[in-house]
Amino acid sequence: MLETHRKELAAKNTVQFYVRVRSGMSKTEVQSIMDDGSIKIHVGAKAIMGKANAELKRYLAEEFGVSKENVKMLSGASNRVKLMRIVT
């Protein structure tokens, strides 16, 4: 489901998108692409002391083949909807 974003990252060395996070789930995985283009992701960590945000960054870094430092949360640190930027 992230293939379009992977291609954009490869072509432009940066990609930016919104994610809708549901924390405290059994495992971290992409669930679907929403009608508005945001990506719904279940996160296998609770939203306590930044653990869910850290798990989201770790997961996206792994999915896009970059280091965690290359995954930035531009907005939404305390919200379910977050704007993410990944650079190479």
N, C-alpha and C. Protein backbone atom coordinates (compact mmCIF):
# COMPACT_ATOMS: atom_id res chain seq x y z
N MET A 1 0.80 -1.20 0.00
CA MET A 1 0.00 0.00 0.00
C MET A 1 0.84 1.27 0.00
N LEU A 2 2.09 1.15 0.32
CA LEU A 2 2.98 2.32 0.37
C LEU A 2 3.80 2.48 -0.90
N GLU A 3 3.53 1.67 -1.89
CA GLU A 3 4.36 1.66 -3.10
C GLU A 3 4.42 3.01 -3.81
N THR A 4 3.32 3.72 -3.91
CA THR A 4 3.30 5.04 -4.54
C THR A 4 4.23 5.99 -3.81
N HIS A 5 4.20 5.95 -2.48
CA HIS A 5 5.05 6.83 -1.69
C HIS A 5 6.52 6.42 -1.79
N ARG A 6 6.78 5.12 -1.89
CA ARG A 6 8.16 4.66 -2.08
C ARG A 6 8.72 5.17 -3.41
N LYS A 7 7.91 5.13 -4.45
CA LYS A 7 8.34 5.61 -5.77
C LYS A 7 8.62 7.11 -5.74
N GLU A 8 7.77 7.87 -5.05
CA GLU A 8 7.99 9.31 -4.94
C GLU A 8 9.28 9.60 -4.18
N LEU A 9 9.53 8.84 -3.12
CA LEU A 9 10.77 9.02 -2.35
C LEU A 9 11.99 8.74 -3.22
N ALA A 10 11.92 7.70 -4.03
CA ALA A 10 13.03 7.35 -4.91
C ALA A 10 13.26 8.44 -5.97
N ALA A 11 12.19 9.02 -6.47
CA ALA A 11 12.30 10.02 -7.53
C ALA A 11 12.71 11.39 -7.01
N LYS A 12 12.19 11.79 -5.85
CA LYS A 12 12.38 13.16 -5.36
C LYS A 12 13.25 13.25 -4.11
N ASN A 13 13.64 12.11 -3.55
CA ASN A 13 14.42 12.06 -2.30
C ASN A 13 13.66 12.59 -1.09
N THR A 14 12.37 12.84 -1.25
CA THR A 14 11.51 13.25 -0.13
C THR A 14 10.07 12.88 -0.45
N VAL A 15 9.34 12.56 0.57
CA VAL A 15 7.90 12.30 0.43
C VAL A 15 7.22 12.77 1.71
N GLN A 16 6.03 13.30 1.53
CA GLN A 16 5.29 13.85 2.67
C GLN A 16 3.85 13.34 2.58
N PHE A 17 3.29 12.91 3.70
CA PHE A 17 1.93 12.38 3.70
C PHE A 17 1.35 12.40 5.11
N TYR A 18 0.02 12.30 5.17
CA TYR A 18 -0.68 12.23 6.45
C TYR A 18 -0.91 10.79 6.83
N VAL A 19 -0.82 10.50 8.11
CA VAL A 19 -1.18 9.19 8.63
C VAL A 19 -2.24 9.36 9.71
N ARG A 20 -3.11 8.40 9.80
CA ARG A 20 -4.12 8.33 10.87
C ARG A 20 -3.73 7.13 11.73
N VAL A 21 -3.39 7.41 12.95
CA VAL A 21 -2.82 6.39 13.83
C VAL A 21 -3.86 5.88 14.81
N ARG A 22 -3.86 4.59 14.99
CA ARG A 22 -4.64 3.95 16.06
C ARG A 22 -3.63 3.19 16.91
N SER A 23 -3.39 3.69 18.10
CA SER A 23 -2.36 3.11 18.95
C SER A 23 -2.92 2.01 19.85
N GLY A 24 -2.01 1.25 20.46
CA GLY A 24 -2.39 0.19 21.38
C GLY A 24 -2.90 -1.07 20.70
N MET A 25 -2.58 -1.25 19.44
CA MET A 25 -3.05 -2.42 18.70
C MET A 25 -2.07 -3.58 18.89
N SER A 26 -2.42 -4.76 18.39
CA SER A 26 -1.58 -5.94 18.61
C SER A 26 -0.26 -5.88 17.85
N LYS A 27 -0.25 -5.23 16.67
CA LYS A 27 1.01 -5.07 15.94
C LYS A 27 0.93 -3.83 15.07
N THR A 28 2.09 -3.37 14.62
CA THR A 28 2.17 -2.18 13.78
C THR A 28 2.09 -2.59 12.32
N GLU A 29 1.10 -2.02 11.62
CA GLU A 29 0.93 -2.34 10.20
C GLU A 29 0.00 -1.34 9.54
N VAL A 30 0.17 -1.18 8.23
CA VAL A 30 -0.72 -0.33 7.44
C VAL A 30 -2.04 -1.06 7.30
N GLN A 31 -3.13 -0.34 7.54
CA GLN A 31 -4.46 -0.92 7.41
C GLN A 31 -5.10 -0.59 6.07
N SER A 32 -5.04 0.68 5.68
CA SER A 32 -5.69 1.08 4.43
C SER A 32 -5.27 2.49 4.04
N ILE A 33 -5.62 2.83 2.83
CA ILE A 33 -5.49 4.20 2.34
C ILE A 33 -6.90 4.80 2.41
N MET A 34 -7.02 5.91 3.12
CA MET A 34 -8.32 6.54 3.31
C MET A 34 -8.73 7.32 2.06
N ASP A 35 -10.00 7.69 1.98
CA ASP A 35 -10.52 8.43 0.82
C ASP A 35 -9.80 9.76 0.62
N ASP A 36 -9.32 10.37 1.72
CA ASP A 36 -8.62 11.65 1.61
C ASP A 36 -7.13 11.49 1.30
N GLY A 37 -6.67 10.26 1.09
CA GLY A 37 -5.28 9.99 0.74
C GLY A 37 -4.39 9.71 1.93
N SER A 38 -4.89 9.90 3.13
CA SER A 38 -4.07 9.59 4.31
C SER A 38 -3.97 8.08 4.49
N ILE A 39 -2.95 7.67 5.22
CA ILE A 39 -2.67 6.26 5.43
C ILE A 39 -3.07 5.89 6.85
N LYS A 40 -3.94 4.90 6.98
CA LYS A 40 -4.37 4.43 8.30
C LYS A 40 -3.39 3.36 8.77
N ILE A 41 -2.76 3.61 9.92
CA ILE A 41 -1.76 2.69 10.45
C ILE A 41 -2.12 2.32 11.88
N HIS A 42 -2.17 1.02 12.15
CA HIS A 42 -2.31 0.54 13.52
C HIS A 42 -0.91 0.45 14.11
N VAL A 43 -0.75 0.96 15.32
CA VAL A 43 0.56 0.99 15.98
C VAL A 43 0.52 0.09 17.22
N GLY A 44 1.51 -0.76 17.33
CA GLY A 44 1.57 -1.72 18.43
C GLY A 44 2.21 -1.17 19.68
N ALA A 45 1.95 0.07 20.00
CA ALA A 45 2.43 0.70 21.24
C ALA A 45 1.35 1.66 21.71
N LYS A 46 1.27 1.84 23.00
CA LYS A 46 0.28 2.76 23.56
C LYS A 46 0.78 4.19 23.45
N ALA A 47 -0.17 5.11 23.39
CA ALA A 47 0.15 6.54 23.26
C ALA A 47 0.49 7.12 24.64
N ILE A 48 1.54 6.60 25.22
CA ILE A 48 2.00 7.05 26.53
C ILE A 48 3.46 7.44 26.40
N MET A 49 3.77 8.69 26.81
CA MET A 49 5.16 9.18 26.82
C MET A 49 5.85 9.04 25.46
N GLY A 50 5.11 9.24 24.38
CA GLY A 50 5.70 9.23 23.05
C GLY A 50 6.01 7.87 22.48
N LYS A 51 5.58 6.80 23.15
CA LYS A 51 5.91 5.44 22.66
C LYS A 51 5.27 5.13 21.32
N ALA A 52 4.02 5.54 21.12
CA ALA A 52 3.35 5.27 19.84
C ALA A 52 4.02 6.05 18.71
N ASN A 53 4.40 7.30 18.96
CA ASN A 53 5.09 8.10 17.94
C ASN A 53 6.44 7.49 17.59
N ALA A 54 7.16 7.02 18.59
CA ALA A 54 8.46 6.39 18.35
C ALA A 54 8.30 5.11 17.54
N GLU A 55 7.28 4.33 17.85
CA GLU A 55 7.01 3.10 17.10
C GLU A 55 6.61 3.41 15.67
N LEU A 56 5.82 4.46 15.47
CA LEU A 56 5.44 4.87 14.11
C LEU A 56 6.66 5.26 13.30
N LYS A 57 7.55 6.04 13.87
CA LYS A 57 8.78 6.43 13.17
C LYS A 57 9.65 5.22 12.84
N ARG A 58 9.78 4.30 13.79
CA ARG A 58 10.57 3.10 13.57
C ARG A 58 9.98 2.29 12.41
N TYR A 59 8.68 2.12 12.43
CA TYR A 59 7.99 1.35 11.39
C TYR A 59 8.16 1.99 10.01
N LEU A 60 7.94 3.30 9.92
CA LEU A 60 8.08 3.97 8.63
C LEU A 60 9.52 3.94 8.13
N ALA A 61 10.48 4.07 9.03
CA ALA A 61 11.89 3.98 8.63
C ALA A 61 12.17 2.61 8.03
N GLU A 62 11.66 1.57 8.65
CA GLU A 62 11.85 0.21 8.14
C GLU A 62 11.17 0.02 6.79
N GLU A 63 9.94 0.49 6.67
CA GLU A 63 9.18 0.34 5.43
C GLU A 63 9.81 1.07 4.26
N PHE A 64 10.43 2.22 4.52
CA PHE A 64 11.01 3.03 3.46
C PHE A 64 12.52 2.83 3.31
N GLY A 65 13.11 1.99 4.16
CA GLY A 65 14.53 1.70 4.05
C GLY A 65 15.44 2.86 4.37
N VAL A 66 15.04 3.68 5.35
CA VAL A 66 15.85 4.82 5.78
C VAL A 66 16.08 4.71 7.29
N SER A 67 16.96 5.56 7.80
CA SER A 67 17.18 5.56 9.25
C SER A 67 16.05 6.34 9.93
N LYS A 68 15.87 6.10 11.22
CA LYS A 68 14.82 6.78 11.98
C LYS A 68 14.99 8.29 11.96
N GLU A 69 16.24 8.76 11.85
CA GLU A 69 16.50 10.19 11.81
C GLU A 69 15.95 10.84 10.54
N ASN A 70 15.70 10.04 9.51
CA ASN A 70 15.18 10.56 8.25
C ASN A 70 13.66 10.59 8.21
N VAL A 71 13.03 10.19 9.29
CA VAL A 71 11.57 10.22 9.40
C VAL A 71 11.20 11.35 10.36
N LYS A 72 10.52 12.36 9.85
CA LYS A 72 10.16 13.54 10.63
C LYS A 72 8.65 13.63 10.79
N MET A 73 8.22 14.00 11.99
CA MET A 73 6.82 14.26 12.26
C MET A 73 6.66 15.78 12.24
N LEU A 74 6.04 16.30 11.20
CA LEU A 74 5.92 17.75 11.03
C LEU A 74 4.82 18.35 11.88
N SER A 75 3.76 17.59 12.09
CA SER A 75 2.67 18.06 12.95
C SER A 75 1.88 16.86 13.46
N GLY A 76 1.12 17.10 14.53
CA GLY A 76 0.24 16.07 15.05
C GLY A 76 0.82 15.17 16.11
N ALA A 77 1.89 15.60 16.78
CA ALA A 77 2.54 14.73 17.78
C ALA A 77 1.57 14.24 18.84
N SER A 78 0.57 15.05 19.19
CA SER A 78 -0.38 14.64 20.22
C SER A 78 -1.77 14.36 19.64
N ASN A 79 -1.86 14.23 18.32
CA ASN A 79 -3.13 13.94 17.65
C ASN A 79 -3.08 12.60 16.94
N ARG A 80 -4.23 12.12 16.55
CA ARG A 80 -4.29 10.87 15.78
C ARG A 80 -3.83 11.07 14.35
N VAL A 81 -4.05 12.27 13.80
CA VAL A 81 -3.64 12.57 12.43
C VAL A 81 -2.30 13.30 12.47
N LYS A 82 -1.33 12.76 11.76
CA LYS A 82 0.04 13.30 11.80
C LYS A 82 0.53 13.54 10.37
N LEU A 83 1.29 14.60 10.21
CA LEU A 83 1.93 14.87 8.92
C LEU A 83 3.37 14.39 9.01
N MET A 84 3.72 13.46 8.14
CA MET A 84 5.06 12.84 8.17
C MET A 84 5.84 13.24 6.92
N ARG A 85 7.16 13.38 7.09
CA ARG A 85 8.06 13.61 5.96
C ARG A 85 9.20 12.61 6.08
N ILE A 86 9.52 11.99 4.96
CA ILE A 86 10.64 11.05 4.91
C ILE A 86 11.60 11.54 3.85
N VAL A 87 12.88 11.58 4.19
CA VAL A 87 13.92 12.01 3.25
C VAL A 87 14.98 10.92 3.16
N THR A 88 15.73 10.95 2.06
CA THR A 88 16.82 9.97 1.91
C THR A 88 18.15 10.65 2.14
